[in-house]
N, C-alpha and C. Protein backbone atom coordinates (compact mmCIF):
# COMPACT_ATOMS: atom_id res chain seq x y z
N MET A 1 17.42 4.44 -21.11
CA MET A 1 17.02 4.21 -19.72
C MET A 1 17.16 5.49 -18.92
N THR A 2 16.29 5.63 -17.94
CA THR A 2 16.33 6.77 -17.03
C THR A 2 16.97 6.31 -15.73
N ASP A 3 17.79 7.19 -15.17
CA ASP A 3 18.48 6.83 -13.93
C ASP A 3 17.52 6.69 -12.77
N GLY A 4 17.68 5.62 -12.01
CA GLY A 4 17.02 5.43 -10.73
C GLY A 4 18.11 5.45 -9.69
N GLN A 5 17.78 5.38 -8.42
CA GLN A 5 18.79 5.43 -7.39
C GLN A 5 19.60 4.13 -7.32
N ARG A 6 18.93 2.99 -7.31
CA ARG A 6 19.63 1.71 -7.20
C ARG A 6 19.58 0.90 -8.49
N ILE A 7 18.46 0.99 -9.18
CA ILE A 7 18.29 0.30 -10.46
C ILE A 7 17.71 1.31 -11.43
N GLN A 8 18.27 1.38 -12.62
CA GLN A 8 17.76 2.32 -13.60
C GLN A 8 16.34 1.95 -14.00
N MET A 9 15.52 2.97 -14.12
CA MET A 9 14.17 2.73 -14.61
C MET A 9 14.23 2.51 -16.11
N LEU A 10 13.40 1.60 -16.58
CA LEU A 10 13.25 1.44 -18.02
C LEU A 10 12.59 2.69 -18.57
N ASP A 11 12.91 3.05 -19.81
CA ASP A 11 12.16 4.16 -20.38
C ASP A 11 10.72 3.67 -20.60
N VAL A 12 9.81 4.61 -20.69
CA VAL A 12 8.39 4.28 -20.71
C VAL A 12 8.05 3.35 -21.87
N ASP A 13 8.60 3.59 -23.04
CA ASP A 13 8.28 2.74 -24.19
C ASP A 13 8.72 1.29 -23.97
N GLU A 14 9.90 1.10 -23.41
CA GLU A 14 10.38 -0.26 -23.14
C GLU A 14 9.55 -0.91 -22.05
N ALA A 15 9.20 -0.15 -21.03
CA ALA A 15 8.35 -0.68 -19.96
C ALA A 15 7.00 -1.11 -20.53
N LYS A 16 6.42 -0.31 -21.40
CA LYS A 16 5.13 -0.65 -22.01
C LYS A 16 5.25 -1.89 -22.88
N ARG A 17 6.35 -2.02 -23.60
CA ARG A 17 6.56 -3.21 -24.44
C ARG A 17 6.63 -4.47 -23.58
N ARG A 18 7.40 -4.42 -22.52
CA ARG A 18 7.53 -5.57 -21.62
C ARG A 18 6.20 -5.87 -20.92
N ALA A 19 5.51 -4.81 -20.53
CA ALA A 19 4.22 -4.99 -19.86
C ALA A 19 3.22 -5.68 -20.80
N ALA A 20 3.19 -5.25 -22.04
CA ALA A 20 2.25 -5.84 -23.01
C ALA A 20 2.52 -7.33 -23.20
N GLU A 21 3.78 -7.72 -23.17
CA GLU A 21 4.14 -9.14 -23.32
C GLU A 21 3.62 -9.97 -22.16
N ARG A 22 3.41 -9.35 -21.00
CA ARG A 22 2.97 -10.07 -19.80
C ARG A 22 1.53 -9.76 -19.41
N GLY A 23 0.82 -9.01 -20.25
CA GLY A 23 -0.58 -8.71 -19.97
C GLY A 23 -0.78 -7.68 -18.87
N ILE A 24 0.21 -6.86 -18.63
CA ILE A 24 0.12 -5.79 -17.64
C ILE A 24 -0.43 -4.55 -18.34
N PRO A 25 -1.43 -3.91 -17.78
CA PRO A 25 -2.00 -2.72 -18.43
C PRO A 25 -0.95 -1.64 -18.67
N GLU A 26 -1.11 -0.95 -19.77
CA GLU A 26 -0.17 0.09 -20.18
C GLU A 26 0.00 1.17 -19.11
N ASN A 27 -1.11 1.56 -18.46
CA ASN A 27 -1.01 2.62 -17.45
C ASN A 27 -0.14 2.19 -16.26
N MET A 28 -0.11 0.91 -15.97
CA MET A 28 0.75 0.44 -14.87
C MET A 28 2.23 0.57 -15.25
N ALA A 29 2.53 0.35 -16.53
CA ALA A 29 3.91 0.41 -17.00
C ALA A 29 4.48 1.83 -16.93
N GLU A 30 3.62 2.81 -16.78
CA GLU A 30 4.08 4.19 -16.68
C GLU A 30 4.51 4.55 -15.26
N LEU A 31 4.13 3.75 -14.28
CA LEU A 31 4.48 4.01 -12.89
C LEU A 31 5.94 3.65 -12.63
N SER A 32 6.60 4.45 -11.83
CA SER A 32 8.02 4.21 -11.52
C SER A 32 8.25 2.80 -10.99
N VAL A 33 7.37 2.32 -10.12
CA VAL A 33 7.57 1.01 -9.52
C VAL A 33 7.59 -0.08 -10.60
N PHE A 34 6.73 0.03 -11.60
CA PHE A 34 6.72 -0.97 -12.66
C PHE A 34 7.83 -0.73 -13.68
N ARG A 35 8.27 0.50 -13.84
CA ARG A 35 9.41 0.76 -14.73
C ARG A 35 10.68 0.13 -14.17
N ILE A 36 10.69 -0.14 -12.88
CA ILE A 36 11.81 -0.87 -12.28
C ILE A 36 11.49 -2.36 -12.21
N ALA A 37 10.31 -2.72 -11.75
CA ALA A 37 9.95 -4.14 -11.60
C ALA A 37 9.97 -4.87 -12.93
N LEU A 38 9.70 -4.19 -14.02
CA LEU A 38 9.66 -4.85 -15.34
C LEU A 38 11.03 -5.28 -15.84
N HIS A 39 12.08 -5.01 -15.08
CA HIS A 39 13.37 -5.64 -15.38
C HIS A 39 13.23 -7.15 -15.23
N GLN A 40 12.29 -7.57 -14.38
CA GLN A 40 11.97 -8.99 -14.19
C GLN A 40 10.47 -9.11 -14.48
N PRO A 41 10.10 -9.30 -15.75
CA PRO A 41 8.69 -9.26 -16.14
C PRO A 41 7.78 -10.24 -15.40
N GLY A 42 8.29 -11.41 -15.03
CA GLY A 42 7.46 -12.37 -14.30
C GLY A 42 7.09 -11.85 -12.92
N VAL A 43 8.04 -11.22 -12.24
CA VAL A 43 7.75 -10.63 -10.93
C VAL A 43 6.76 -9.48 -11.10
N ALA A 44 6.99 -8.64 -12.11
CA ALA A 44 6.07 -7.52 -12.36
C ALA A 44 4.66 -8.04 -12.63
N ALA A 45 4.53 -9.12 -13.38
CA ALA A 45 3.21 -9.69 -13.66
C ALA A 45 2.56 -10.20 -12.38
N GLY A 46 3.33 -10.83 -11.52
CA GLY A 46 2.80 -11.31 -10.24
C GLY A 46 2.33 -10.15 -9.37
N LEU A 47 3.13 -9.09 -9.30
CA LEU A 47 2.74 -7.91 -8.53
C LEU A 47 1.46 -7.31 -9.08
N ASN A 48 1.38 -7.20 -10.40
CA ASN A 48 0.19 -6.64 -11.03
C ASN A 48 -1.03 -7.52 -10.77
N GLY A 49 -0.87 -8.82 -10.81
CA GLY A 49 -1.99 -9.73 -10.57
C GLY A 49 -2.58 -9.55 -9.18
N MET A 50 -1.72 -9.45 -8.19
CA MET A 50 -2.20 -9.26 -6.83
C MET A 50 -2.88 -7.90 -6.68
N LEU A 51 -2.27 -6.87 -7.24
CA LEU A 51 -2.90 -5.54 -7.19
C LEU A 51 -4.27 -5.57 -7.86
N HIS A 52 -4.36 -6.22 -9.00
CA HIS A 52 -5.63 -6.28 -9.72
C HIS A 52 -6.72 -6.93 -8.87
N GLU A 53 -6.38 -8.03 -8.24
CA GLU A 53 -7.37 -8.72 -7.40
C GLU A 53 -7.78 -7.89 -6.20
N LEU A 54 -6.79 -7.31 -5.52
CA LEU A 54 -7.09 -6.58 -4.29
C LEU A 54 -7.74 -5.22 -4.53
N LEU A 55 -7.34 -4.54 -5.60
CA LEU A 55 -7.88 -3.21 -5.85
C LEU A 55 -9.22 -3.23 -6.58
N TRP A 56 -9.39 -4.17 -7.51
CA TRP A 56 -10.56 -4.11 -8.39
C TRP A 56 -11.56 -5.24 -8.19
N LYS A 57 -11.14 -6.34 -7.59
CA LYS A 57 -12.03 -7.48 -7.46
C LYS A 57 -12.21 -7.93 -6.02
N GLY A 58 -11.64 -7.21 -5.10
CA GLY A 58 -11.65 -7.62 -3.71
C GLY A 58 -13.00 -7.44 -3.02
N VAL A 59 -13.11 -8.09 -1.87
CA VAL A 59 -14.32 -8.01 -1.06
C VAL A 59 -14.15 -7.07 0.14
N LEU A 60 -12.93 -6.73 0.46
CA LEU A 60 -12.66 -5.82 1.57
C LEU A 60 -13.06 -4.40 1.17
N ASP A 61 -13.74 -3.71 2.06
CA ASP A 61 -14.15 -2.34 1.81
C ASP A 61 -12.94 -1.49 1.42
N ALA A 62 -13.08 -0.69 0.35
CA ALA A 62 -11.96 0.10 -0.17
C ALA A 62 -11.42 1.08 0.87
N ARG A 63 -12.28 1.67 1.68
CA ARG A 63 -11.83 2.60 2.71
C ARG A 63 -10.94 1.88 3.72
N LEU A 64 -11.37 0.69 4.17
CA LEU A 64 -10.55 -0.07 5.12
C LEU A 64 -9.22 -0.47 4.50
N ARG A 65 -9.27 -0.89 3.25
CA ARG A 65 -8.03 -1.27 2.55
C ARG A 65 -7.07 -0.08 2.50
N GLU A 66 -7.58 1.08 2.16
CA GLU A 66 -6.71 2.26 2.07
C GLU A 66 -6.17 2.69 3.43
N LEU A 67 -6.95 2.50 4.49
CA LEU A 67 -6.43 2.79 5.83
C LEU A 67 -5.26 1.86 6.16
N VAL A 68 -5.40 0.59 5.79
CA VAL A 68 -4.30 -0.37 5.99
C VAL A 68 -3.06 0.08 5.22
N ILE A 69 -3.24 0.42 3.95
CA ILE A 69 -2.11 0.82 3.11
C ILE A 69 -1.45 2.08 3.66
N MET A 70 -2.26 3.05 4.03
CA MET A 70 -1.70 4.28 4.57
C MET A 70 -0.96 4.04 5.88
N ARG A 71 -1.48 3.15 6.71
CA ARG A 71 -0.78 2.82 7.96
C ARG A 71 0.56 2.19 7.66
N ILE A 72 0.59 1.27 6.71
CA ILE A 72 1.86 0.63 6.34
C ILE A 72 2.83 1.67 5.79
N GLY A 73 2.35 2.53 4.89
CA GLY A 73 3.23 3.56 4.33
C GLY A 73 3.81 4.46 5.40
N TRP A 74 2.96 4.83 6.37
CA TRP A 74 3.42 5.71 7.45
C TRP A 74 4.40 4.98 8.37
N ALA A 75 3.99 3.81 8.85
CA ALA A 75 4.78 3.09 9.85
C ALA A 75 6.12 2.61 9.31
N THR A 76 6.19 2.32 8.02
CA THR A 76 7.44 1.83 7.44
C THR A 76 8.27 2.93 6.80
N GLY A 77 7.74 4.15 6.76
CA GLY A 77 8.48 5.26 6.17
C GLY A 77 8.53 5.24 4.65
N SER A 78 7.53 4.63 4.02
CA SER A 78 7.50 4.55 2.56
C SER A 78 6.80 5.77 1.99
N VAL A 79 7.59 6.75 1.60
CA VAL A 79 7.04 8.00 1.06
C VAL A 79 6.27 7.72 -0.22
N TYR A 80 6.76 6.84 -1.08
CA TYR A 80 6.06 6.52 -2.33
C TYR A 80 4.68 5.93 -2.03
N GLU A 81 4.63 4.96 -1.14
CA GLU A 81 3.36 4.31 -0.82
C GLU A 81 2.39 5.32 -0.20
N TRP A 82 2.86 6.11 0.75
CA TRP A 82 2.02 7.11 1.40
C TRP A 82 1.50 8.12 0.37
N THR A 83 2.38 8.62 -0.48
CA THR A 83 1.99 9.65 -1.46
C THR A 83 1.00 9.11 -2.48
N GLN A 84 1.32 7.96 -3.07
CA GLN A 84 0.44 7.41 -4.10
C GLN A 84 -0.92 7.04 -3.53
N HIS A 85 -0.94 6.43 -2.37
CA HIS A 85 -2.22 5.99 -1.83
C HIS A 85 -2.99 7.11 -1.16
N TRP A 86 -2.33 8.20 -0.82
CA TRP A 86 -3.09 9.39 -0.41
C TRP A 86 -3.98 9.79 -1.58
N ARG A 87 -3.39 9.83 -2.78
CA ARG A 87 -4.16 10.22 -3.97
C ARG A 87 -5.26 9.21 -4.27
N VAL A 88 -4.94 7.92 -4.19
CA VAL A 88 -5.94 6.87 -4.45
C VAL A 88 -7.08 6.98 -3.45
N ALA A 89 -6.75 7.08 -2.18
CA ALA A 89 -7.77 7.14 -1.13
C ALA A 89 -8.67 8.36 -1.29
N ARG A 90 -8.09 9.49 -1.63
CA ARG A 90 -8.90 10.69 -1.82
C ARG A 90 -9.81 10.53 -3.02
N LEU A 91 -9.36 9.87 -4.09
CA LEU A 91 -10.23 9.60 -5.24
C LEU A 91 -11.40 8.71 -4.85
N LEU A 92 -11.18 7.88 -3.84
CA LEU A 92 -12.24 7.00 -3.32
C LEU A 92 -13.06 7.68 -2.22
N ASP A 93 -12.84 8.96 -2.03
CA ASP A 93 -13.57 9.76 -1.03
C ASP A 93 -13.31 9.33 0.41
N VAL A 94 -12.14 8.76 0.67
CA VAL A 94 -11.76 8.50 2.06
C VAL A 94 -11.40 9.86 2.66
N PRO A 95 -12.05 10.24 3.75
CA PRO A 95 -11.80 11.57 4.33
C PRO A 95 -10.34 11.76 4.77
N GLU A 96 -9.85 12.97 4.57
CA GLU A 96 -8.48 13.30 4.97
C GLU A 96 -8.25 13.02 6.44
N HIS A 97 -9.23 13.33 7.29
CA HIS A 97 -9.00 13.13 8.73
C HIS A 97 -8.82 11.65 9.07
N ASP A 98 -9.43 10.74 8.29
CA ASP A 98 -9.20 9.31 8.50
C ASP A 98 -7.78 8.93 8.10
N LEU A 99 -7.33 9.47 6.97
CA LEU A 99 -5.99 9.15 6.49
C LEU A 99 -4.92 9.67 7.45
N LEU A 100 -5.10 10.89 7.91
CA LEU A 100 -4.14 11.46 8.85
C LEU A 100 -4.17 10.72 10.18
N ALA A 101 -5.34 10.23 10.56
CA ALA A 101 -5.47 9.54 11.85
C ALA A 101 -4.72 8.23 11.90
N VAL A 102 -4.42 7.60 10.76
CA VAL A 102 -3.69 6.32 10.82
C VAL A 102 -2.29 6.50 11.40
N ARG A 103 -1.78 7.71 11.40
CA ARG A 103 -0.44 7.95 11.96
C ARG A 103 -0.40 7.60 13.45
N ASP A 104 -1.49 7.85 14.14
CA ASP A 104 -1.59 7.56 15.58
C ASP A 104 -3.00 7.06 15.85
N TRP A 105 -3.37 5.98 15.20
CA TRP A 105 -4.77 5.52 15.17
C TRP A 105 -5.31 5.13 16.55
N GLN A 106 -4.43 4.70 17.46
CA GLN A 106 -4.90 4.29 18.78
C GLN A 106 -5.56 5.46 19.52
N ARG A 107 -5.17 6.69 19.20
CA ARG A 107 -5.72 7.87 19.86
C ARG A 107 -6.86 8.52 19.06
N ALA A 108 -7.17 7.97 17.90
CA ALA A 108 -8.23 8.54 17.06
C ALA A 108 -9.58 8.06 17.58
N ASP A 109 -10.32 8.96 18.19
CA ASP A 109 -11.57 8.54 18.82
C ASP A 109 -12.73 8.34 17.85
N HIS A 110 -12.53 8.67 16.58
CA HIS A 110 -13.62 8.49 15.61
C HIS A 110 -13.58 7.13 14.90
N PHE A 111 -12.54 6.34 15.12
CA PHE A 111 -12.49 5.00 14.52
C PHE A 111 -13.31 4.02 15.35
N GLY A 112 -14.09 3.20 14.66
CA GLY A 112 -14.90 2.19 15.31
C GLY A 112 -14.19 0.85 15.38
N PRO A 113 -14.90 -0.21 15.78
CA PRO A 113 -14.30 -1.53 15.94
C PRO A 113 -13.68 -2.10 14.66
N GLN A 114 -14.29 -1.86 13.51
CA GLN A 114 -13.74 -2.39 12.27
C GLN A 114 -12.40 -1.74 11.94
N GLU A 115 -12.35 -0.42 11.98
CA GLU A 115 -11.10 0.29 11.70
C GLU A 115 -10.02 -0.11 12.70
N ARG A 116 -10.38 -0.17 13.97
CA ARG A 116 -9.40 -0.53 15.00
C ARG A 116 -8.88 -1.95 14.81
N ALA A 117 -9.76 -2.85 14.40
CA ALA A 117 -9.33 -4.25 14.19
C ALA A 117 -8.35 -4.34 13.04
N VAL A 118 -8.65 -3.69 11.90
CA VAL A 118 -7.74 -3.82 10.75
C VAL A 118 -6.43 -3.08 10.99
N LEU A 119 -6.48 -1.97 11.70
CA LEU A 119 -5.24 -1.25 11.99
C LEU A 119 -4.40 -1.99 13.03
N ALA A 120 -5.04 -2.63 13.99
CA ALA A 120 -4.30 -3.46 14.94
C ALA A 120 -3.68 -4.66 14.23
N ALA A 121 -4.42 -5.27 13.31
CA ALA A 121 -3.88 -6.39 12.53
C ALA A 121 -2.68 -5.94 11.71
N THR A 122 -2.76 -4.75 11.16
CA THR A 122 -1.64 -4.19 10.39
C THR A 122 -0.42 -4.01 11.29
N ASP A 123 -0.62 -3.38 12.42
CA ASP A 123 0.50 -3.15 13.33
C ASP A 123 1.09 -4.46 13.87
N ASP A 124 0.22 -5.41 14.21
CA ASP A 124 0.72 -6.72 14.66
C ASP A 124 1.63 -7.33 13.60
N THR A 125 1.18 -7.30 12.36
CA THR A 125 1.93 -7.91 11.26
C THR A 125 3.25 -7.18 11.04
N LEU A 126 3.21 -5.86 11.08
CA LEU A 126 4.45 -5.11 10.90
C LEU A 126 5.44 -5.38 12.02
N ARG A 127 4.94 -5.49 13.22
CA ARG A 127 5.80 -5.69 14.39
C ARG A 127 6.25 -7.14 14.55
N ASP A 128 5.30 -8.09 14.41
CA ASP A 128 5.58 -9.48 14.76
C ASP A 128 5.55 -10.46 13.58
N GLY A 129 5.11 -9.98 12.43
CA GLY A 129 5.01 -10.87 11.28
C GLY A 129 3.73 -11.68 11.24
N THR A 130 2.85 -11.51 12.22
CA THR A 130 1.60 -12.25 12.29
C THR A 130 0.58 -11.45 13.10
N ILE A 131 -0.68 -11.79 12.92
CA ILE A 131 -1.75 -11.16 13.68
C ILE A 131 -1.91 -11.92 15.00
N SER A 132 -1.93 -11.20 16.11
CA SER A 132 -2.05 -11.84 17.42
C SER A 132 -3.43 -12.49 17.56
N ASP A 133 -3.53 -13.42 18.51
CA ASP A 133 -4.82 -14.09 18.76
C ASP A 133 -5.90 -13.09 19.16
N ALA A 134 -5.57 -12.14 20.02
CA ALA A 134 -6.56 -11.15 20.47
C ALA A 134 -7.03 -10.29 19.31
N THR A 135 -6.11 -9.87 18.47
CA THR A 135 -6.49 -9.06 17.31
C THR A 135 -7.30 -9.88 16.32
N TRP A 136 -6.94 -11.15 16.17
CA TRP A 136 -7.70 -12.02 15.26
C TRP A 136 -9.16 -12.13 15.71
N VAL A 137 -9.39 -12.26 17.01
CA VAL A 137 -10.76 -12.31 17.53
C VAL A 137 -11.50 -11.02 17.17
N ALA A 138 -10.83 -9.88 17.30
CA ALA A 138 -11.44 -8.59 16.95
C ALA A 138 -11.76 -8.52 15.46
N CYS A 139 -10.86 -9.04 14.63
CA CYS A 139 -11.10 -9.05 13.18
C CYS A 139 -12.27 -9.96 12.82
N ARG A 140 -12.31 -11.14 13.43
CA ARG A 140 -13.43 -12.05 13.18
C ARG A 140 -14.75 -11.39 13.53
N SER A 141 -14.79 -10.71 14.65
CA SER A 141 -16.00 -10.04 15.07
C SER A 141 -16.35 -8.89 14.12
N ALA A 142 -15.34 -8.13 13.73
CA ALA A 142 -15.56 -6.97 12.85
C ALA A 142 -16.09 -7.38 11.48
N PHE A 143 -15.74 -8.57 11.04
CA PHE A 143 -16.16 -9.05 9.71
C PHE A 143 -17.14 -10.20 9.79
N ASP A 144 -17.84 -10.32 10.90
CA ASP A 144 -18.86 -11.37 11.06
C ASP A 144 -18.33 -12.75 10.70
N ASP A 145 -17.06 -12.96 11.02
CA ASP A 145 -16.41 -14.26 10.78
C ASP A 145 -16.45 -14.69 9.31
N ASP A 146 -16.42 -13.72 8.39
CA ASP A 146 -16.45 -13.99 6.96
C ASP A 146 -15.04 -14.40 6.49
N PRO A 147 -14.86 -15.68 6.09
CA PRO A 147 -13.53 -16.15 5.71
C PRO A 147 -12.92 -15.37 4.55
N ALA A 148 -13.73 -14.99 3.56
CA ALA A 148 -13.20 -14.26 2.41
C ALA A 148 -12.62 -12.92 2.83
N MET A 149 -13.32 -12.21 3.70
CA MET A 149 -12.84 -10.92 4.19
C MET A 149 -11.55 -11.08 4.99
N LEU A 150 -11.52 -12.10 5.83
CA LEU A 150 -10.35 -12.32 6.68
C LEU A 150 -9.12 -12.69 5.85
N VAL A 151 -9.31 -13.56 4.87
CA VAL A 151 -8.19 -13.94 3.99
C VAL A 151 -7.70 -12.71 3.24
N GLU A 152 -8.64 -11.93 2.71
CA GLU A 152 -8.24 -10.75 1.95
C GLU A 152 -7.54 -9.72 2.82
N LEU A 153 -7.98 -9.54 4.04
CA LEU A 153 -7.31 -8.62 4.96
C LEU A 153 -5.85 -9.02 5.14
N VAL A 154 -5.62 -10.29 5.41
CA VAL A 154 -4.24 -10.77 5.60
C VAL A 154 -3.43 -10.57 4.32
N ALA A 155 -4.05 -10.88 3.16
CA ALA A 155 -3.36 -10.71 1.88
C ALA A 155 -3.05 -9.24 1.60
N ALA A 156 -4.00 -8.36 1.92
CA ALA A 156 -3.78 -6.93 1.69
C ALA A 156 -2.62 -6.41 2.55
N ILE A 157 -2.62 -6.78 3.81
CA ILE A 157 -1.52 -6.35 4.68
C ILE A 157 -0.19 -6.87 4.13
N GLY A 158 -0.15 -8.14 3.77
CA GLY A 158 1.07 -8.72 3.23
C GLY A 158 1.50 -8.08 1.92
N ASN A 159 0.54 -7.82 1.05
CA ASN A 159 0.86 -7.24 -0.26
C ASN A 159 1.47 -5.86 -0.12
N TRP A 160 0.84 -4.99 0.66
CA TRP A 160 1.37 -3.64 0.74
C TRP A 160 2.58 -3.55 1.66
N ARG A 161 2.80 -4.53 2.53
CA ARG A 161 4.08 -4.60 3.26
C ARG A 161 5.18 -4.98 2.29
N LEU A 162 4.87 -5.92 1.38
CA LEU A 162 5.82 -6.28 0.33
C LEU A 162 6.15 -5.05 -0.53
N PHE A 163 5.11 -4.33 -0.94
CA PHE A 163 5.36 -3.14 -1.76
C PHE A 163 6.20 -2.12 -1.02
N SER A 164 5.96 -1.93 0.26
CA SER A 164 6.76 -0.99 1.03
C SER A 164 8.23 -1.38 1.00
N ALA A 165 8.50 -2.66 1.22
CA ALA A 165 9.90 -3.13 1.20
C ALA A 165 10.50 -2.98 -0.19
N LEU A 166 9.74 -3.32 -1.21
CA LEU A 166 10.21 -3.22 -2.58
C LEU A 166 10.50 -1.75 -2.94
N LEU A 167 9.56 -0.87 -2.63
CA LEU A 167 9.72 0.55 -2.95
C LEU A 167 10.93 1.15 -2.26
N GLN A 168 11.13 0.79 -1.00
CA GLN A 168 12.25 1.36 -0.26
C GLN A 168 13.58 0.70 -0.63
N SER A 169 13.59 -0.62 -0.76
CA SER A 169 14.84 -1.31 -1.07
C SER A 169 15.36 -0.97 -2.46
N LEU A 170 14.44 -0.77 -3.41
CA LEU A 170 14.84 -0.41 -4.76
C LEU A 170 14.91 1.11 -4.95
N ASP A 171 14.60 1.85 -3.90
CA ASP A 171 14.64 3.32 -3.90
C ASP A 171 13.85 3.88 -5.09
N VAL A 172 12.60 3.42 -5.20
CA VAL A 172 11.74 3.82 -6.31
C VAL A 172 11.34 5.29 -6.14
N PRO A 173 11.66 6.12 -7.14
CA PRO A 173 11.29 7.54 -7.02
C PRO A 173 9.82 7.76 -7.39
N LEU A 174 9.27 8.84 -6.87
CA LEU A 174 7.95 9.26 -7.31
C LEU A 174 8.00 9.63 -8.79
N GLU A 175 6.86 9.55 -9.43
CA GLU A 175 6.79 9.89 -10.85
C GLU A 175 7.10 11.38 -11.02
N ASP A 176 7.57 11.74 -12.21
CA ASP A 176 7.86 13.14 -12.51
C ASP A 176 6.62 13.99 -12.24
N GLY A 177 6.82 15.10 -11.57
CA GLY A 177 5.73 16.01 -11.31
C GLY A 177 4.91 15.69 -10.07
N VAL A 178 5.18 14.55 -9.44
CA VAL A 178 4.45 14.17 -8.22
C VAL A 178 5.29 14.58 -7.02
N GLU A 179 4.71 15.41 -6.19
CA GLU A 179 5.39 15.86 -4.99
C GLU A 179 4.99 14.96 -3.83
N PRO A 180 5.93 14.66 -2.93
CA PRO A 180 5.55 13.87 -1.76
C PRO A 180 4.52 14.63 -0.94
N TRP A 181 3.61 13.91 -0.35
CA TRP A 181 2.57 14.55 0.44
C TRP A 181 2.93 14.44 1.91
N PRO A 182 3.48 15.52 2.45
CA PRO A 182 3.80 15.52 3.89
C PRO A 182 2.73 16.23 4.70
N PRO A 183 1.69 15.55 5.13
CA PRO A 183 0.65 16.24 5.90
C PRO A 183 1.23 16.86 7.16
N ASP A 184 0.81 18.07 7.43
CA ASP A 184 1.25 18.79 8.62
C ASP A 184 2.76 18.95 8.67
N GLY A 185 3.43 18.84 7.52
CA GLY A 185 4.88 18.93 7.51
C GLY A 185 5.57 17.66 7.95
N SER A 186 4.80 16.63 8.31
CA SER A 186 5.38 15.35 8.73
C SER A 186 5.46 14.42 7.53
N VAL A 187 6.51 13.66 7.46
CA VAL A 187 6.65 12.70 6.38
C VAL A 187 6.83 11.31 6.98
N PRO A 188 6.41 10.27 6.26
CA PRO A 188 6.63 8.92 6.76
C PRO A 188 8.10 8.68 7.04
N GLY A 189 8.39 8.13 8.18
CA GLY A 189 9.77 7.83 8.53
C GLY A 189 10.53 9.03 9.07
N GLY A 190 9.89 10.21 9.11
CA GLY A 190 10.53 11.42 9.61
C GLY A 190 10.59 11.40 11.13
N PRO A 191 11.15 12.47 11.71
CA PRO A 191 11.30 12.50 13.17
C PRO A 191 9.97 12.49 13.92
N GLU A 192 8.88 12.92 13.27
CA GLU A 192 7.59 12.92 13.93
C GLU A 192 6.88 11.57 13.83
N ALA A 193 7.36 10.71 12.94
CA ALA A 193 6.69 9.42 12.74
C ALA A 193 6.90 8.53 13.96
N PRO A 194 5.86 7.71 14.28
CA PRO A 194 6.01 6.81 15.43
C PRO A 194 7.03 5.73 15.16
C-alpha cells in the first residue's frame, strides 16, 4: 500500500483487481480517488456509475458541465477537482478564459444566459443545498424546459459536490507527476478565492 494522508491508497495492482471485480474500468483504478474509494468497492462502483452516465452518456453540454465542475472545485477549495477537470475541460476545448472566469463568474461579461443559469444553480446549491426558485426559472428558460437537461444539471451539481467533499475529507492526493494548476498564482481555497 502507498501512504495517503488519511487513508492509505491501495497499490495500483490491488486497485485494478478490486475494480475488475466491480466492473470499473482499469484506467479509473489508476486514479488516486479510486485507489482510496476501492477500499469500499460498492461505493467505488456507485461513484464510477454516476461518472460514466454524466461524462459519457449525458445530455448536458460538456462545456456547461465542466464550468459547473470547475466552479465547484474553485468555490469549495478542491485542488484535486480543479486540477483534474482543468485538464479534462481543456481536452474538450473549453477555452481557458471560460474556466478562469468561473472564479468570479458574476463579473464575466462574456457568459450568456445558459452559463449564468448553471453557475447560479451551482452557487445556490453550494450555499443553500438547493436551487432557488428564481434560478430554477432561469434554468428552465436556458434549457427550453427540457426535463432531462434539468434533472442532469441537478445530478451533475450534486455529483461533483459529493466528489469535492470526498476528495477533501479523504485528503486525496494528486497522481504522481501531476502538479496542481494554480491559474494566475491563485489556488482553490487560497486567500484570493471568493
